[in-house]
């Protein structure tokens, strides 16, 4: 069910495109490779055995990963592809 000037199925296509874009971004993320470290590369705290087994190639402890992840900006939930504002520019 489309509304206004859109064709039928346009909203579904926008949602699917947004999901595909996000999945591609997640797949492109770098993952740890190689041997896991026994101690964190940043703070030198021991990395628990369970974490090393769950994530082969892990280099950081959980606290340092949380600090690093907190520095990245969260993506907005707005679909810019289908935004009317993006079409006006």
Protein backbone atom coordinates (compact mmCIF):
# COMPACT_ATOMS: atom_id res chain seq x y z
CA UNK A 1 0.00 0.00 0.00
CA UNK A 2 1.69 3.16 -1.20
CA UNK A 3 0.57 6.67 -0.48
CA UNK A 4 0.90 9.96 -2.24
CA UNK A 5 3.11 9.88 -5.32
CA UNK A 6 4.88 6.59 -4.54
CA UNK A 7 4.31 3.38 -6.44
CA UNK A 8 3.08 0.19 -4.80
CA UNK A 9 5.83 -1.57 -2.86
CA UNK A 10 8.09 1.51 -2.62
CA UNK A 11 8.02 1.57 1.17
CA UNK A 12 8.94 -2.12 1.38
CA UNK A 13 11.80 -1.55 -1.07
CA UNK A 14 13.12 1.30 1.07
CA UNK A 15 13.00 -0.84 4.21
CA UNK A 16 14.74 -3.74 2.47
CA UNK A 17 17.40 -1.39 1.07
CA UNK A 18 18.05 0.04 4.55
CA UNK A 19 18.40 -3.46 6.00
CA UNK A 20 20.73 -4.52 3.17
CA UNK A 21 22.90 -1.42 3.69
CA UNK A 22 23.20 -2.09 7.41
CA UNK A 23 24.02 -5.77 6.89
CA UNK A 24 26.71 -4.83 4.38
CA UNK A 25 28.18 -2.35 6.87
CA UNK A 26 28.24 -4.99 9.62
CA UNK A 27 29.86 -7.58 7.34
CA UNK A 28 32.56 -5.06 6.37
CA UNK A 29 33.62 -4.59 10.02
CA UNK A 30 37.03 -5.87 10.91
CA UNK A 31 37.05 -8.96 13.11
CA UNK A 32 39.99 -10.15 15.22
CA UNK A 33 42.29 -12.69 13.57
CA UNK A 34 45.24 -14.73 14.77
CA UNK A 35 46.20 -15.74 18.27
CA UNK A 36 44.29 -14.29 21.21
CA UNK A 37 46.28 -12.33 23.75
CA UNK A 38 46.30 -13.38 27.39
CA UNK A 39 46.44 -9.72 28.51
CA UNK A 40 44.75 -6.63 27.11
CA UNK A 41 46.77 -4.66 24.55
CA UNK A 42 45.70 -1.34 26.13
CA UNK A 43 45.46 -1.80 29.90
CA UNK A 44 47.42 -5.06 30.41
CA UNK A 45 44.57 -6.61 32.45
CA UNK A 46 44.15 -10.38 31.99
CA UNK A 47 41.60 -11.40 29.36
CA UNK A 48 39.33 -14.18 30.69
CA UNK A 49 39.71 -17.60 29.09
CA UNK A 50 36.00 -17.69 28.19
CA UNK A 51 36.38 -14.47 26.16
CA UNK A 52 39.45 -15.80 24.37
CA UNK A 53 37.59 -19.00 23.47
CA UNK A 54 34.46 -17.14 22.30
CA UNK A 55 36.38 -14.65 20.12
CA UNK A 56 39.54 -16.11 18.59
CA UNK A 57 42.08 -13.36 17.98
CA UNK A 58 40.76 -11.05 20.72
CA UNK A 59 43.25 -8.35 21.77
CA UNK A 60 41.26 -6.18 24.23
CA UNK A 61 39.48 -6.79 27.51
CA UNK A 62 35.75 -6.13 27.80
CA UNK A 63 36.20 -2.75 29.54
CA UNK A 64 38.54 -1.42 26.84
CA UNK A 65 36.20 -2.64 24.08
CA UNK A 66 33.27 -0.87 25.76
CA UNK A 67 35.30 2.33 26.03
CA UNK A 68 36.28 2.12 22.37
CA UNK A 69 32.72 1.30 21.25
CA UNK A 70 31.39 4.21 23.27
CA UNK A 71 33.53 6.58 21.21
CA UNK A 72 31.88 5.58 17.93
CA UNK A 73 28.84 7.57 16.94
CA UNK A 74 25.55 5.77 16.74
CA UNK A 75 23.82 5.79 13.38
CA UNK A 76 20.46 7.52 13.14
CA UNK A 77 17.34 5.54 12.44
CA UNK A 78 16.28 7.74 9.55
CA UNK A 79 16.08 6.26 6.09
CA UNK A 80 17.84 8.97 4.12
CA UNK A 81 17.24 7.16 0.86
CA UNK A 82 13.49 7.69 1.11
CA UNK A 83 13.55 11.04 2.88
CA UNK A 84 11.70 13.87 1.14
CA UNK A 85 14.32 16.31 2.43
CA UNK A 86 17.10 14.44 0.62
CA UNK A 87 15.14 14.69 -2.63
CA UNK A 88 14.73 18.45 -2.33
CA UNK A 89 18.45 19.20 -2.20
